[in-house]
Amino acid sequence: MSKPIRLRAEDEDDLRVVSACLQDAIVPIGEMGYVPGDKRFVLVVNRFRWETADAPRADDGPTAEDDDLFPYERVHCGVRFDGVERVRTRGIDLRDRRQILELLSLGTEDGDVLLHFAGGGCIRLCGPSWTCLVEDLGEPWPTASRPCHPVEE
Protein backbone atom coordinates (compact mmCIF):
# COMPACT_ATOMS: atom_id res chain seq x y z
CA MET A 1 0.00 0.00 0.00
CA SER A 2 1.42 3.36 -0.97
CA LYS A 3 1.50 6.33 1.34
CA PRO A 4 -0.93 9.26 1.05
CA ILE A 5 0.30 12.07 -1.18
CA ARG A 6 1.33 15.43 0.18
CA LEU A 7 2.55 17.86 -2.48
CA ARG A 8 3.45 21.52 -2.86
CA ALA A 9 3.52 23.33 -6.20
CA GLU A 10 4.96 26.78 -6.77
CA ASP A 11 5.57 26.83 -10.52
CA GLU A 12 4.41 25.31 -13.79
CA ASP A 13 6.71 22.27 -13.52
CA ASP A 14 5.44 21.47 -10.01
CA LEU A 15 1.85 21.95 -11.19
CA ARG A 16 2.32 19.28 -13.88
CA VAL A 17 3.00 16.73 -11.15
CA VAL A 18 -0.09 17.85 -9.22
CA SER A 19 -2.14 17.72 -12.42
CA ALA A 20 -1.11 14.10 -13.04
CA CYS A 21 -2.12 13.14 -9.49
CA LEU A 22 -5.48 14.91 -9.73
CA GLN A 23 -6.43 13.82 -13.25
CA ASP A 24 -9.98 12.43 -13.26
CA ALA A 25 -10.74 13.65 -9.74
CA ILE A 26 -14.45 14.08 -9.06
CA VAL A 27 -15.31 17.51 -7.64
CA PRO A 28 -18.73 18.44 -6.25
CA ILE A 29 -19.21 22.20 -6.70
CA GLY A 30 -20.41 22.32 -3.10
CA GLU A 31 -16.92 21.17 -2.04
CA MET A 32 -15.06 24.13 -3.53
CA GLY A 33 -14.92 27.76 -2.59
CA TYR A 34 -13.04 31.04 -2.67
CA VAL A 35 -12.10 32.91 0.51
CA PRO A 36 -11.26 36.44 -0.75
CA GLY A 37 -10.00 37.73 2.61
CA ASP A 38 -7.41 34.94 2.74
CA LYS A 39 -6.74 35.00 -1.02
CA ARG A 40 -7.42 31.26 -0.98
CA PHE A 41 -9.30 28.86 -3.24
CA VAL A 42 -9.97 25.42 -1.76
CA LEU A 43 -11.57 22.22 -2.92
CA VAL A 44 -11.99 18.66 -1.67
CA VAL A 45 -11.90 16.13 -4.46
CA ASN A 46 -12.51 12.43 -4.81
CA ARG A 47 -9.12 11.47 -6.29
CA PHE A 48 -8.41 8.37 -8.36
CA ARG A 49 -5.16 6.88 -7.05
CA TRP A 50 -3.21 6.59 -10.31
CA GLU A 51 -0.06 5.71 -8.35
CA THR A 52 -1.63 2.35 -7.33
CA ALA A 53 -3.63 1.62 -10.50
CA ASP A 54 -1.04 -0.71 -12.00
CA ALA A 55 0.41 -2.01 -8.74
CA PRO A 56 0.39 -5.79 -8.31
CA ARG A 57 -2.47 -7.01 -6.13
CA ALA A 58 -2.34 -9.56 -3.34
CA ASP A 59 -2.97 -13.06 -4.61
CA ASP A 60 -3.74 -14.55 -1.22
CA GLY A 61 -5.41 -13.60 2.02
CA PRO A 62 -8.86 -12.22 2.72
CA THR A 63 -8.66 -9.33 0.26
CA ALA A 64 -7.60 -11.28 -2.84
CA GLU A 65 -11.19 -11.81 -4.00
CA ASP A 66 -12.13 -8.17 -3.33
CA ASP A 67 -9.10 -7.04 -5.33
CA ASP A 68 -10.54 -8.80 -8.37
CA LEU A 69 -13.91 -7.06 -7.99
CA PHE A 70 -12.54 -3.66 -6.89
CA PRO A 71 -8.94 -3.45 -8.11
CA TYR A 72 -8.58 0.35 -7.92
CA GLU A 73 -8.76 3.03 -5.23
CA ARG A 74 -10.07 6.53 -4.65
CA VAL A 75 -9.38 8.87 -1.74
CA HIS A 76 -10.58 12.26 -0.56
CA CYS A 77 -7.94 14.89 -1.22
CA GLY A 78 -7.70 18.50 -0.07
CA VAL A 79 -6.40 21.04 -2.58
CA ARG A 80 -5.54 24.61 -1.58
CA PHE A 81 -4.36 27.51 -3.72
CA ASP A 82 -2.94 30.50 -1.83
CA GLY A 83 -2.25 33.89 -3.41
CA VAL A 84 -5.49 33.96 -5.43
CA GLU A 85 -6.80 37.48 -5.97
CA ARG A 86 -9.70 36.66 -8.28
CA VAL A 87 -11.57 33.62 -9.57
CA ARG A 88 -13.15 33.48 -13.03
CA THR A 89 -15.23 30.67 -14.48
CA ARG A 90 -16.26 29.58 -17.95
CA GLY A 91 -18.92 26.96 -18.64
CA ILE A 92 -19.63 26.26 -14.95
CA ASP A 93 -22.64 27.41 -12.94
CA LEU A 94 -21.29 27.80 -9.39
CA ARG A 95 -24.84 28.31 -8.08
CA ASP A 96 -25.74 24.70 -8.89
CA ARG A 97 -24.21 23.24 -5.73
CA ARG A 98 -25.34 19.70 -6.65
CA GLN A 99 -23.33 19.67 -9.88
CA ILE A 100 -20.42 17.21 -10.06
CA LEU A 101 -17.36 18.08 -12.15
CA GLU A 102 -14.56 15.87 -13.44
CA LEU A 103 -11.15 17.51 -13.27
CA LEU A 104 -9.09 16.74 -16.36
CA SER A 105 -5.98 18.85 -15.85
CA LEU A 106 -4.33 21.86 -14.24
CA GLY A 107 -2.16 24.29 -16.13
CA THR A 108 -0.96 27.86 -16.25
CA GLU A 109 -1.56 30.76 -18.60
CA ASP A 110 -0.17 34.27 -18.16
CA GLY A 111 0.79 33.37 -14.59
CA ASP A 112 -2.73 32.24 -13.63
CA VAL A 113 -3.74 28.67 -12.76
CA LEU A 114 -6.37 27.00 -14.93
CA LEU A 115 -8.48 24.05 -13.78
CA HIS A 116 -9.92 22.28 -16.84
CA PHE A 117 -13.00 20.08 -16.46
CA ALA A 118 -14.76 17.54 -18.68
CA GLY A 119 -17.36 19.22 -20.87
CA GLY A 120 -15.19 22.30 -21.43
CA GLY A 121 -15.68 24.08 -18.09
CA CYS A 122 -12.75 26.01 -16.67
CA ILE A 123 -11.88 27.83 -13.44
CA ARG A 124 -9.16 30.48 -13.66
CA LEU A 125 -7.33 31.42 -10.45
CA CYS A 126 -5.79 34.85 -10.93
CA GLY A 127 -2.88 36.14 -8.90
CA PRO A 128 0.70 37.21 -9.49
CA SER A 129 2.11 34.63 -7.07
CA TRP A 130 0.37 31.40 -6.08
CA THR A 131 1.14 28.25 -4.13
CA CYS A 132 -0.75 24.97 -4.32
CA LEU A 133 -0.88 22.43 -1.49
CA VAL A 134 -2.35 18.96 -2.00
CA GLU A 135 -2.91 16.34 0.69
CA ASP A 136 -4.84 13.08 0.85
CA LEU A 137 -7.45 13.04 3.61
CA GLY A 138 -8.37 9.77 5.30
CA GLU A 139 -8.13 6.24 4.01
CA PRO A 140 -8.63 5.19 0.38
CA TRP A 141 -11.58 3.01 -0.58
CA PRO A 142 -11.87 0.39 -3.33
CA THR A 143 -13.54 1.04 -6.67
CA ALA A 144 -14.14 -1.13 -9.71
CA SER A 145 -13.89 1.71 -12.23
CA ARG A 146 -10.72 3.05 -13.79
CA PRO A 147 -11.11 6.33 -15.70
CA CYS A 148 -10.40 6.03 -19.38
CA HIS A 149 -10.11 8.52 -22.21
CA PRO A 150 -10.76 7.55 -25.82
CA VAL A 151 -7.75 8.01 -28.04
CA GLU A 152 -8.43 10.48 -30.82
CA GLU A 153 -7.02 9.71 -34.25
C-alpha atoms as a PDB file:
ATOM      1  CA  MET A   1       0.000   0.000   0.000  1.00  0.00           C
ATOM      2  CA  SER A   2       1.418   3.360  -0.967  1.00  0.00           C
ATOM      3  CA  LYS A   3       1.502   6.335   1.339  1.00  0.00           C
ATOM      4  CA  PRO A   4      -0.928   9.262   1.051  1.00  0.00           C
ATOM      5  CA  ILE A   5       0.296  12.068  -1.184  1.00  0.00           C
ATOM      6  CA  ARG A   6       1.327  15.432   0.176  1.00  0.00           C
ATOM      7  CA  LEU A   7       2.549  17.863  -2.479  1.00  0.00           C
ATOM      8  CA  ARG A   8       3.454  21.517  -2.859  1.00  0.00           C
ATOM      9  CA  ALA A   9       3.521  23.332  -6.197  1.00  0.00           C
ATOM     10  CA  GLU A  10       4.962  26.782  -6.767  1.00  0.00           C
ATOM     11  CA  ASP A  11       5.566  26.833 -10.516  1.00  0.00           C
ATOM     12  CA  GLU A  12       4.411  25.312 -13.788  1.00  0.00           C
ATOM     13  CA  ASP A  13       6.706  22.274 -13.517  1.00  0.00           C
ATOM     14  CA  ASP A  14       5.438  21.473 -10.011  1.00  0.00           C
ATOM     15  CA  LEU A  15       1.855  21.947 -11.190  1.00  0.00           C
ATOM     16  CA  ARG A  16       2.324  19.282 -13.880  1.00  0.00           C
ATOM     17  CA  VAL A  17       3.000  16.725 -11.146  1.00  0.00           C
ATOM     18  CA  VAL A  18      -0.087  17.853  -9.217  1.00  0.00           C
ATOM     19  CA  SER A  19      -2.139  17.718 -12.417  1.00  0.00           C
ATOM     20  CA  ALA A  20      -1.108  14.102 -13.040  1.00  0.00           C
ATOM     21  CA  CYS A  21      -2.121  13.140  -9.493  1.00  0.00           C
ATOM     22  CA  LEU A  22      -5.482  14.914  -9.726  1.00  0.00           C
ATOM     23  CA  GLN A  23      -6.429  13.817 -13.253  1.00  0.00           C
ATOM     24  CA  ASP A  24      -9.984  12.427 -13.257  1.00  0.00           C
ATOM     25  CA  ALA A  25     -10.743  13.647  -9.741  1.00  0.00           C
ATOM     26  CA  ILE A  26     -14.448  14.081  -9.057  1.00  0.00           C
ATOM     27  CA  VAL A  27     -15.307  17.505  -7.642  1.00  0.00           C
ATOM     28  CA  PRO A  28     -18.728  18.442  -6.250  1.00  0.00           C
ATOM     29  CA  ILE A  29     -19.209  22.200  -6.703  1.00  0.00           C
ATOM     30  CA  GLY A  30     -20.412  22.318  -3.104  1.00  0.00           C
ATOM     31  CA  GLU A  31     -16.918  21.171  -2.044  1.00  0.00           C
ATOM     32  CA  MET A  32     -15.058  24.130  -3.531  1.00  0.00           C
ATOM     33  CA  GLY A  33     -14.922  27.757  -2.589  1.00  0.00           C
ATOM     34  CA  TYR A  34     -13.037  31.036  -2.668  1.00  0.00           C
ATOM     35  CA  VAL A  35     -12.099  32.911   0.506  1.00  0.00           C
ATOM     36  CA  PRO A  36     -11.256  36.437  -0.748  1.00  0.00           C
ATOM     37  CA  GLY A  37     -10.000  37.730   2.607  1.00  0.00           C
ATOM     38  CA  ASP A  38      -7.414  34.943   2.741  1.00  0.00           C
ATOM     39  CA  LYS A  39      -6.740  35.001  -1.023  1.00  0.00           C
ATOM     40  CA  ARG A  40      -7.420  31.263  -0.977  1.00  0.00           C
ATOM     41  CA  PHE A  41      -9.300  28.859  -3.241  1.00  0.00           C
ATOM     42  CA  VAL A  42      -9.968  25.421  -1.757  1.00  0.00           C
ATOM     43  CA  LEU A  43     -11.567  22.215  -2.917  1.00  0.00           C
ATOM     44  CA  VAL A  44     -11.990  18.665  -1.674  1.00  0.00           C
ATOM     45  CA  VAL A  45     -11.896  16.134  -4.457  1.00  0.00           C
ATOM     46  CA  ASN A  46     -12.512  12.427  -4.807  1.00  0.00           C
ATOM     47  CA  ARG A  47      -9.118  11.470  -6.293  1.00  0.00           C
ATOM     48  CA  PHE A  48      -8.410   8.366  -8.359  1.00  0.00           C
ATOM     49  CA  ARG A  49      -5.157   6.880  -7.045  1.00  0.00           C
ATOM     50  CA  TRP A  50      -3.205   6.586 -10.310  1.00  0.00           C
ATOM     51  CA  GLU A  51      -0.065   5.706  -8.350  1.00  0.00           C
ATOM     52  CA  THR A  52      -1.626   2.348  -7.333  1.00  0.00           C
ATOM     53  CA  ALA A  53      -3.633   1.616 -10.501  1.00  0.00           C
ATOM     54  CA  ASP A  54      -1.038  -0.710 -12.004  1.00  0.00           C
ATOM     55  CA  ALA A  55       0.412  -2.009  -8.743  1.00  0.00           C
ATOM     56  CA  PRO A  56       0.389  -5.785  -8.310  1.00  0.00           C
ATOM     57  CA  ARG A  57      -2.473  -7.011  -6.126  1.00  0.00           C
ATOM     58  CA  ALA A  58      -2.339  -9.557  -3.337  1.00  0.00           C
ATOM     59  CA  ASP A  59      -2.966 -13.065  -4.609  1.00  0.00           C
ATOM     60  CA  ASP A  60      -3.737 -14.555  -1.222  1.00  0.00           C
ATOM     61  CA  GLY A  61      -5.410 -13.597   2.017  1.00  0.00           C
ATOM     62  CA  PRO A  62      -8.865 -12.223   2.724  1.00  0.00           C
ATOM     63  CA  THR A  63      -8.661  -9.334   0.260  1.00  0.00           C
ATOM     64  CA  ALA A  64      -7.600 -11.280  -2.839  1.00  0.00           C
ATOM     65  CA  GLU A  65     -11.192 -11.809  -4.001  1.00  0.00           C
ATOM     66  CA  ASP A  66     -12.126  -8.167  -3.331  1.00  0.00           C
ATOM     67  CA  ASP A  67      -9.097  -7.038  -5.328  1.00  0.00           C
ATOM     68  CA  ASP A  68     -10.536  -8.803  -8.375  1.00  0.00           C
ATOM     69  CA  LEU A  69     -13.909  -7.058  -7.994  1.00  0.00           C
ATOM     70  CA  PHE A  70     -12.542  -3.664  -6.895  1.00  0.00           C
ATOM     71  CA  PRO A  71      -8.939  -3.451  -8.108  1.00  0.00           C
ATOM     72  CA  TYR A  72      -8.576   0.347  -7.924  1.00  0.00           C
ATOM     73  CA  GLU A  73      -8.763   3.029  -5.232  1.00  0.00           C
ATOM     74  CA  ARG A  74     -10.069   6.534  -4.653  1.00  0.00           C
ATOM     75  CA  VAL A  75      -9.376   8.868  -1.741  1.00  0.00           C
ATOM     76  CA  HIS A  76     -10.581  12.260  -0.564  1.00  0.00           C
ATOM     77  CA  CYS A  77      -7.941  14.887  -1.219  1.00  0.00           C
ATOM     78  CA  GLY A  78      -7.703  18.500  -0.073  1.00  0.00           C
ATOM     79  CA  VAL A  79      -6.396  21.042  -2.583  1.00  0.00           C
ATOM     80  CA  ARG A  80      -5.543  24.611  -1.576  1.00  0.00           C
ATOM     81  CA  PHE A  81      -4.363  27.510  -3.715  1.00  0.00           C
ATOM     82  CA  ASP A  82      -2.943  30.503  -1.831  1.00  0.00           C
ATOM     83  CA  GLY A  83      -2.245  33.894  -3.411  1.00  0.00           C
ATOM     84  CA  VAL A  84      -5.490  33.959  -5.431  1.00  0.00           C
ATOM     85  CA  GLU A  85      -6.797  37.481  -5.975  1.00  0.00           C
ATOM     86  CA  ARG A  86      -9.701  36.662  -8.280  1.00  0.00           C
ATOM     87  CA  VAL A  87     -11.573  33.618  -9.567  1.00  0.00           C
ATOM     88  CA  ARG A  88     -13.148  33.484 -13.026  1.00  0.00           C
ATOM     89  CA  THR A  89     -15.233  30.671 -14.476  1.00  0.00           C
ATOM     90  CA  ARG A  90     -16.262  29.575 -17.954  1.00  0.00           C
ATOM     91  CA  GLY A  91     -18.919  26.964 -18.637  1.00  0.00           C
ATOM     92  CA  ILE A  92     -19.627  26.259 -14.953  1.00  0.00           C
ATOM     93  CA  ASP A  93     -22.638  27.415 -12.936  1.00  0.00           C
ATOM     94  CA  LEU A  94     -21.291  27.798  -9.394  1.00  0.00           C
ATOM     95  CA  ARG A  95     -24.836  28.312  -8.076  1.00  0.00           C
ATOM     96  CA  ASP A  96     -25.744  24.700  -8.893  1.00  0.00           C
ATOM     97  CA  ARG A  97     -24.215  23.242  -5.726  1.00  0.00           C
ATOM     98  CA  ARG A  98     -25.336  19.701  -6.654  1.00  0.00           C
ATOM     99  CA  GLN A  99     -23.330  19.670  -9.881  1.00  0.00           C
ATOM    100  CA  ILE A 100     -20.420  17.214 -10.059  1.00  0.00           C
ATOM    101  CA  LEU A 101     -17.363  18.077 -12.152  1.00  0.00           C
ATOM    102  CA  GLU A 102     -14.564  15.871 -13.439  1.00  0.00           C
ATOM    103  CA  LEU A 103     -11.146  17.506 -13.269  1.00  0.00           C
ATOM    104  CA  LEU A 104      -9.092  16.744 -16.357  1.00  0.00           C
ATOM    105  CA  SER A 105      -5.984  18.855 -15.848  1.00  0.00           C
ATOM    106  CA  LEU A 106      -4.327  21.857 -14.244  1.00  0.00           C
ATOM    107  CA  GLY A 107      -2.155  24.286 -16.134  1.00  0.00           C
ATOM    108  CA  THR A 108      -0.955  27.861 -16.250  1.00  0.00           C
ATOM    109  CA  GLU A 109      -1.562  30.761 -18.599  1.00  0.00           C
ATOM    110  CA  ASP A 110      -0.174  34.272 -18.156  1.00  0.00           C
ATOM    111  CA  GLY A 111       0.793  33.369 -14.585  1.00  0.00           C
ATOM    112  CA  ASP A 112      -2.730  32.242 -13.632  1.00  0.00           C
ATOM    113  CA  VAL A 113      -3.739  28.667 -12.758  1.00  0.00           C
ATOM    114  CA  LEU A 114      -6.375  26.998 -14.935  1.00  0.00           C
ATOM    115  CA  LEU A 115      -8.478  24.046 -13.778  1.00  0.00           C
ATOM    116  CA  HIS A 116      -9.922  22.275 -16.841  1.00  0.00           C
ATOM    117  CA  PHE A 117     -13.002  20.084 -16.459  1.00  0.00           C
ATOM    118  CA  ALA A 118     -14.763  17.542 -18.679  1.00  0.00           C
ATOM    119  CA  GLY A 119     -17.360  19.223 -20.866  1.00  0.00           C
ATOM    120  CA  GLY A 120     -15.194  22.301 -21.427  1.00  0.00           C
ATOM    121  CA  GLY A 121     -15.680  24.083 -18.090  1.00  0.00           C
ATOM    122  CA  CYS A 122     -12.746  26.014 -16.667  1.00  0.00           C
ATOM    123  CA  ILE A 123     -11.881  27.828 -13.444  1.00  0.00           C
ATOM    124  CA  ARG A 124      -9.159  30.477 -13.659  1.00  0.00           C
ATOM    125  CA  LEU A 125      -7.332  31.421 -10.454  1.00  0.00           C
ATOM    126  CA  CYS A 126      -5.794  34.853 -10.931  1.00  0.00           C
ATOM    127  CA  GLY A 127      -2.879  36.137  -8.896  1.00  0.00           C
ATOM    128  CA  PRO A 128       0.703  37.211  -9.488  1.00  0.00           C
ATOM    129  CA  SER A 129       2.105  34.632  -7.071  1.00  0.00           C
ATOM    130  CA  TRP A 130       0.370  31.402  -6.079  1.00  0.00           C
ATOM    131  CA  THR A 131       1.143  28.252  -4.125  1.00  0.00           C
ATOM    132  CA  CYS A 132      -0.755  24.966  -4.322  1.00  0.00           C
ATOM    133  CA  LEU A 133      -0.880  22.432  -1.492  1.00  0.00           C
ATOM    134  CA  VAL A 134      -2.355  18.957  -2.000  1.00  0.00           C
ATOM    135  CA  GLU A 135      -2.913  16.340   0.685  1.00  0.00           C
ATOM    136  CA  ASP A 136      -4.835  13.078   0.851  1.00  0.00           C
ATOM    137  CA  LEU A 137      -7.453  13.036   3.613  1.00  0.00           C
ATOM    138  CA  GLY A 138      -8.368   9.771   5.295  1.00  0.00           C
ATOM    139  CA  GLU A 139      -8.130   6.241   4.006  1.00  0.00           C
ATOM    140  CA  PRO A 140      -8.627   5.186   0.377  1.00  0.00           C
ATOM    141  CA  TRP A 141     -11.583   3.011  -0.576  1.00  0.00           C
ATOM    142  CA  PRO A 142     -11.868   0.394  -3.331  1.00  0.00           C
ATOM    143  CA  THR A 143     -13.544   1.041  -6.668  1.00  0.00           C
ATOM    144  CA  ALA A 144     -14.137  -1.133  -9.712  1.00  0.00           C
ATOM    145  CA  SER A 145     -13.890   1.712 -12.233  1.00  0.00           C
ATOM    146  CA  ARG A 146     -10.721   3.049 -13.789  1.00  0.00           C
ATOM    147  CA  PRO A 147     -11.110   6.329 -15.697  1.00  0.00           C
ATOM    148  CA  CYS A 148     -10.403   6.032 -19.381  1.00  0.00           C
ATOM    149  CA  HIS A 149     -10.115   8.521 -22.206  1.00  0.00           C
ATOM    150  CA  PRO A 150     -10.758   7.553 -25.817  1.00  0.00           C
ATOM    151  CA  VAL A 151      -7.749   8.008 -28.042  1.00  0.00           C
ATOM    152  CA  GLU A 152      -8.426  10.480 -30.820  1.00  0.00           C
ATOM    153  CA  GLU A 153      -7.022   9.706 -34.247  1.00  0.00           C
END
